[in-house]
Protein backbone atom coordinates (compact mmCIF):
# COMPACT_ATOMS: atom_id res chain seq x y z
CA MET A 1 2.98 1.38 10.22
CA THR A 2 4.87 3.41 12.83
CA SER A 3 4.60 3.99 16.54
CA ARG A 4 3.48 7.51 17.30
CA ARG A 5 5.56 9.66 19.62
CA ASP A 6 4.59 12.75 21.55
CA TRP A 7 6.50 16.01 21.16
CA HIS A 8 8.50 15.60 24.37
CA ASP A 9 9.53 12.08 23.34
CA VAL A 10 11.50 13.53 20.43
CA PRO A 11 15.19 14.19 21.13
CA GLU A 12 15.88 17.64 22.56
CA ARG A 13 18.19 18.64 19.71
CA VAL A 14 15.39 17.91 17.25
CA ARG A 15 12.95 20.06 19.20
CA GLN A 16 15.54 22.86 19.39
CA ALA A 17 16.04 22.71 15.64
CA VAL A 18 12.31 22.97 15.08
CA GLU A 19 12.01 25.86 17.47
CA GLN A 20 14.64 27.80 15.56
CA HIS A 21 11.93 28.10 12.91
CA THR A 22 8.84 28.39 15.13
CA GLY A 23 9.99 30.07 18.31
CA PRO A 24 9.38 28.31 21.64
CA ALA A 25 6.46 25.87 21.60
CA SER A 26 4.06 26.57 24.46
CA GLY A 27 1.74 23.69 23.57
CA ALA A 28 1.83 20.48 21.57
CA LYS A 29 -1.22 18.45 20.51
CA SER A 30 -0.45 15.03 18.97
CA LEU A 31 -2.66 13.67 16.18
CA ARG A 32 -3.49 9.97 16.35
CA ASP A 33 -4.73 9.73 12.80
CA GLY A 34 -2.34 8.41 10.13
CA ARG A 35 0.10 5.54 9.94
CA ASN A 36 3.31 6.75 8.42
CA SER A 37 4.77 9.39 10.71
CA GLU A 38 6.38 8.89 14.05
CA LEU A 39 5.61 12.48 14.94
CA ALA A 40 2.39 14.28 13.99
CA VAL A 41 1.82 17.26 16.18
CA THR A 42 0.26 20.74 16.17
CA LEU A 43 2.52 23.18 17.99
CA THR A 44 1.36 26.40 19.58
CA THR A 45 4.01 29.00 18.86
CA PRO A 46 4.42 32.80 19.21
CA SER A 47 3.30 33.25 15.57
CA GLY A 48 0.35 30.81 15.74
CA SER A 49 -0.19 27.11 15.19
CA VAL A 50 2.16 24.99 13.09
CA PHE A 51 1.67 21.36 12.03
CA CYS A 52 4.73 19.13 12.12
CA LYS A 53 5.24 15.62 10.90
CA GLY A 54 8.47 13.65 11.29
CA ILE A 55 10.20 10.31 11.02
CA THR A 56 13.52 8.83 12.03
CA THR A 57 15.75 8.88 8.97
CA GLY A 58 16.59 5.21 9.33
CA SER A 59 12.96 4.22 8.90
CA SER A 60 11.91 2.82 5.53
CA LEU A 61 9.04 5.28 5.66
CA SER A 62 11.39 8.24 5.63
CA ALA A 63 11.26 8.03 1.77
CA MET A 64 7.61 9.08 1.96
CA HIS A 65 8.51 12.19 3.92
CA ARG A 66 11.19 13.01 1.35
CA ASN A 67 8.53 12.65 -1.30
CA GLU A 68 6.46 15.28 0.51
CA LEU A 69 9.52 17.49 0.78
CA ALA A 70 10.13 17.19 -2.97
CA ILE A 71 6.59 18.29 -3.95
CA GLY A 72 5.71 20.64 -1.11
CA SER A 73 7.15 23.86 -2.50
CA HIS A 74 5.46 23.24 -5.86
CA LEU A 75 1.90 23.01 -4.53
CA PRO A 76 -0.16 26.24 -4.67
CA ASP A 77 -1.50 27.72 -1.45
CA ASP A 78 -5.10 27.18 -2.52
CA LEU A 79 -4.54 23.43 -2.97
CA ALA A 80 -2.40 22.30 -0.04
CA PRO A 81 -1.01 23.58 3.29
CA ARG A 82 2.20 25.45 2.66
CA LEU A 83 5.44 23.65 3.49
CA LEU A 84 7.17 26.21 5.66
CA TRP A 85 10.49 24.57 6.52
CA HIS A 86 12.16 21.24 7.22
CA VAL A 87 14.92 20.14 9.60
CA GLU A 88 17.22 17.15 9.79
CA ALA A 89 18.81 16.66 13.19
CA ASP A 90 19.83 13.81 15.47
CA GLY A 91 18.58 11.12 13.07
CA TRP A 92 15.20 12.79 12.44
CA LEU A 93 13.53 14.49 9.46
CA VAL A 94 10.72 16.92 10.41
CA LEU A 95 8.51 18.88 8.06
CA GLY A 96 6.65 22.02 9.18
CA PHE A 97 3.41 22.99 7.50
CA GLU A 98 0.88 25.81 7.65
CA HIS A 99 -1.82 24.82 10.08
CA VAL A 100 -5.10 24.43 8.21
CA THR A 101 -8.47 23.79 9.74
CA GLY A 102 -11.34 21.94 8.12
CA HIS A 103 -13.22 18.70 8.23
CA HIS A 104 -12.43 15.50 6.39
CA ALA A 105 -14.45 15.13 3.22
CA ASP A 106 -17.90 13.60 3.38
CA LEU A 107 -18.22 11.62 0.12
CA SER A 108 -21.69 10.18 0.79
CA PRO A 109 -24.53 10.70 -1.75
CA GLY A 110 -25.82 14.25 -1.65
CA SER A 111 -22.90 15.62 0.32
CA ALA A 112 -22.13 19.33 -0.17
CA ASP A 113 -18.39 18.38 -0.08
CA LEU A 114 -18.49 16.60 -3.45
CA LEU A 115 -18.26 19.84 -5.45
CA ALA A 116 -15.23 21.05 -3.43
CA VAL A 117 -13.56 17.66 -3.87
CA ALA A 118 -14.10 17.71 -7.64
CA ASP A 119 -12.60 21.23 -7.80
CA ALA A 120 -9.56 20.14 -5.81
CA VAL A 121 -8.93 17.21 -8.19
CA THR A 122 -9.12 19.61 -11.08
CA ARG A 123 -6.54 21.87 -9.44
CA ILE A 124 -4.21 18.91 -8.85
CA ARG A 125 -4.12 18.20 -12.53
CA SER A 126 -3.07 21.75 -13.32
CA VAL A 127 0.10 21.69 -11.15
CA PRO A 128 3.32 21.04 -13.08
CA PRO A 129 5.15 18.17 -11.33
CA PRO A 130 8.76 19.00 -10.39
CA GLN A 131 10.03 15.72 -11.86
CA ALA A 132 8.82 12.53 -13.47
CA ARG A 133 7.72 9.77 -11.09
CA PRO A 134 5.83 7.49 -13.47
CA MET A 135 2.88 5.74 -11.86
CA ALA A 136 2.94 3.28 -14.78
CA SER A 137 6.32 1.99 -13.68
CA GLN A 138 5.23 1.61 -10.06
CA TRP A 139 2.02 -0.15 -11.14
CA THR A 140 4.01 -2.51 -13.40
CA ARG A 141 6.32 -3.54 -10.52
CA ALA A 142 3.50 -4.01 -8.04
CA LEU A 143 1.37 -6.04 -10.39
CA LYS A 144 4.24 -8.22 -11.49
CA VAL A 145 4.61 -9.38 -7.88
CA GLU A 146 0.86 -9.70 -7.28
CA LEU A 147 -0.08 -11.49 -10.47
CA ASP A 148 2.57 -14.12 -9.82
CA LEU A 149 0.87 -15.04 -6.50
CA PRO A 150 -2.26 -17.19 -6.13
CA LEU A 151 -5.28 -15.70 -4.39
CA SER A 152 -5.39 -16.27 -0.68
CA ASN A 153 -7.54 -19.14 0.63
CA ASP A 154 -10.04 -16.71 2.18
CA ALA A 155 -10.45 -14.63 -1.00
CA ASP A 156 -13.89 -13.24 -1.73
CA PRO A 157 -15.96 -15.86 -3.61
CA TRP A 158 -16.66 -13.65 -6.57
CA SER A 159 -13.00 -12.74 -6.86
CA ALA A 160 -11.99 -16.34 -6.65
CA ALA A 161 -14.52 -17.39 -9.31
CA ASN A 162 -13.32 -14.64 -11.65
CA ALA A 163 -9.62 -14.64 -10.75
CA GLY A 164 -8.40 -15.36 -14.29
CA LEU A 165 -10.52 -12.62 -15.86
CA ILE A 166 -9.58 -10.07 -13.17
CA ALA A 167 -5.88 -10.87 -13.68
CA GLU A 168 -6.25 -10.57 -17.47
CA TRP A 169 -7.80 -7.12 -17.13
CA ALA A 170 -5.41 -6.00 -14.42
CA ALA A 171 -2.38 -6.87 -16.50
CA LYS A 172 -3.48 -4.33 -19.09
CA ALA A 173 -3.59 -1.41 -16.66
CA PRO A 174 0.04 -0.13 -16.58
CA ASP A 175 -0.03 0.59 -20.31
CA GLN A 176 -3.02 2.95 -19.73
CA LEU A 177 -1.39 5.08 -16.99
CA ASP A 178 1.27 7.00 -18.90
CA GLY A 179 1.16 10.76 -18.73
CA ASN A 180 2.86 13.82 -17.32
CA ARG A 181 0.21 15.14 -14.94
CA LEU A 182 0.54 15.33 -11.20
CA VAL A 183 -1.24 12.42 -9.45
CA HIS A 184 -1.85 12.42 -5.70
CA SER A 185 -2.78 8.70 -5.81
CA ASP A 186 -4.16 8.54 -2.24
CA LEU A 187 -7.31 10.63 -2.32
CA ASN A 188 -9.28 9.21 0.53
CA PRO A 189 -11.69 11.30 2.72
CA ALA A 190 -9.06 11.85 5.43
CA ASN A 191 -6.72 13.50 2.91
CA PHE A 192 -9.11 16.38 2.27
CA LEU A 193 -9.57 19.27 4.67
CA VAL A 194 -12.80 21.07 3.65
CA ALA A 195 -13.71 24.56 4.70
CA ASP A 196 -14.62 27.16 2.04
CA THR A 197 -12.64 24.99 -0.36
CA ALA A 198 -10.99 21.62 -0.10
CA LYS A 199 -7.27 21.41 0.55
CA VAL A 200 -5.33 18.19 -0.07
CA VAL A 201 -2.85 16.79 2.44
CA ASP A 202 -0.46 13.85 2.72
CA TRP A 203 1.39 13.94 -0.62
CA ALA A 204 3.75 11.05 0.21
CA TRP A 205 2.47 8.89 -2.65
CA TRP A 206 2.49 11.49 -5.43
CA ARG A 207 3.29 10.29 -8.93
CA THR A 208 3.04 11.43 -12.49
CA GLY A 209 0.66 9.82 -14.97
CA ALA A 210 -2.60 10.12 -16.86
CA ALA A 211 -4.89 12.94 -15.88
CA TRP A 212 -7.87 10.69 -15.05
CA ILE A 213 -6.17 8.48 -12.37
CA ASP A 214 -7.10 10.50 -9.25
CA THR A 215 -10.73 10.75 -10.42
CA ALA A 216 -10.82 7.00 -10.99
CA LEU A 217 -9.49 6.31 -7.51
CA LEU A 218 -12.19 8.60 -6.10
CA VAL A 219 -14.88 6.47 -7.80
CA ILE A 220 -13.84 3.71 -5.43
CA ARG A 221 -14.05 6.04 -2.46
CA LEU A 222 -17.50 7.19 -3.48
CA ILE A 223 -18.73 3.64 -3.76
CA ALA A 224 -17.27 2.98 -0.26
CA ALA A 225 -19.22 6.00 0.98
CA GLY A 226 -22.54 4.62 -0.31
CA HIS A 227 -22.84 5.49 -3.99
CA ARG A 228 -23.84 2.78 -6.45
CA PRO A 229 -21.09 2.17 -9.02
CA GLU A 230 -23.04 3.76 -11.87
CA ALA A 231 -23.72 6.88 -9.73
CA ALA A 232 -20.09 7.16 -8.76
CA GLU A 233 -19.16 7.00 -12.44
CA GLN A 234 -21.67 9.70 -13.26
CA TRP A 235 -19.93 11.97 -10.74
CA ALA A 236 -16.59 11.11 -12.34
CA TYR A 237 -17.87 11.84 -15.88
CA GLN A 238 -18.01 15.57 -14.87
CA SER A 239 -14.27 15.47 -15.41
CA PRO A 240 -13.53 15.75 -19.18
CA ASP A 241 -10.31 13.73 -18.66
CA PHE A 242 -12.20 10.82 -17.12
CA ALA A 243 -15.08 11.07 -19.54
CA SER A 244 -12.69 10.82 -22.56
CA THR A 245 -10.79 7.85 -21.16
CA PRO A 246 -11.33 4.60 -23.15
CA PRO A 247 -13.68 2.23 -21.25
CA ASP A 248 -11.12 -0.59 -21.49
CA ALA A 249 -8.56 1.57 -19.66
CA VAL A 250 -11.01 2.27 -16.80
CA THR A 251 -11.98 -1.40 -16.45
CA ALA A 252 -8.32 -2.48 -16.49
CA PHE A 253 -7.48 0.08 -13.78
CA ALA A 254 -10.44 -1.01 -11.62
CA ALA A 255 -9.33 -4.61 -11.87
CA SER A 256 -5.74 -3.75 -11.06
CA VAL A 257 -6.67 -1.80 -7.92
CA LEU A 258 -8.82 -4.75 -6.79
CA ARG A 259 -5.97 -7.20 -7.34
CA LEU A 260 -3.42 -4.99 -5.56
CA TRP A 261 -5.63 -4.23 -2.58
CA GLU A 262 -7.42 -7.54 -2.07
CA ARG A 263 -4.54 -9.36 -0.39
CA ARG A 264 -3.19 -6.45 1.69
CA PHE A 265 -6.50 -4.86 2.66
CA ALA A 266 -8.88 -7.75 2.38
CA THR A 267 -11.58 -6.62 4.82
CA THR A 268 -11.70 -2.88 4.23
CA THR A 269 -14.68 -1.06 2.79
CA ALA A 270 -12.35 0.43 0.09
CA THR A 271 -11.44 -3.05 -1.13
CA ALA A 272 -15.12 -4.07 -1.14
CA ALA A 273 -15.83 -0.92 -3.16
CA ALA A 274 -13.05 -1.75 -5.65
CA ARG A 275 -14.60 -5.21 -6.04
CA ALA A 276 -18.06 -3.73 -6.59
CA TRP A 277 -16.70 -1.38 -9.24
CA THR A 278 -14.69 -4.09 -11.01
CA ARG A 279 -17.75 -6.33 -11.02
CA HIS A 280 -19.84 -3.54 -12.47
CA ARG A 281 -17.26 -2.77 -15.13
CA MET A 282 -16.69 -6.41 -16.11
CA SER A 283 -20.47 -7.16 -16.28
CA ARG A 284 -20.90 -4.14 -18.49
CA HIS A 285 -18.22 -5.35 -20.86
CA HIS A 286 -19.74 -8.84 -20.87
CA ALA A 287 -23.16 -7.42 -21.66
CA LEU A 288 -21.69 -5.48 -24.59
CA GLY A 289 -19.66 -8.47 -25.77
CA ILE A 290 -16.36 -6.63 -25.15
CA GLY A 291 -13.13 -8.03 -23.71
């Protein structure tokens, strides 16, 4: 997590480099949401508003901004804010985006946003990725570390009681993630801007993999927003890619997300939702005598 800086805290040479693209900035409104940018600001310029995000290049999080730079020009205008330019100056990397208005997605039961969110996920899958960044490889590395560690002493009682079975399922997940589709991999409500349609922001974690991954991750977000696990899955089954995914693959993925999130984000509603979904999936397999 970074410390957020205001526009006038950024070195003058960086601001001058930005203004070569935007013209003189007559106003600057910093955003407090988000954790990974040192600069997140909407500039008022002669040609209108521009959203800028930036990081010092020595930060370990600068790789995330370079990921956004790599994918930005490949995203269609109806899916994501346009990447307009980028500058590197005085130890900073700054990306300039089209300013887009809209509200963060409401994923609660009955929300009118759910249709727009489903449409956005469908459009993500149709974008050819510029290069391979296999999510399966990332998942393998992350799980290798996590599965070698014991659960923390304050682990959820259900997770502790079922630790062996969760780990067994989780270990199967990487083999299910192969594919060549674009995967956002961080589709939480704050990463949608909904107006007439839903646009998707914050592409720092994009990967390539199976076409059903983003939909599966949204099942967890729907549960966190108040859906029962079976209802969240019914929403996901509208996607042919998710509906055709083998049940074992979905269960393995749910268990792997739980195992990866439970230590780092123990008290979040998203982790509680991942646990509820994993419990639902594993109880279903047990009832059917599978696994």
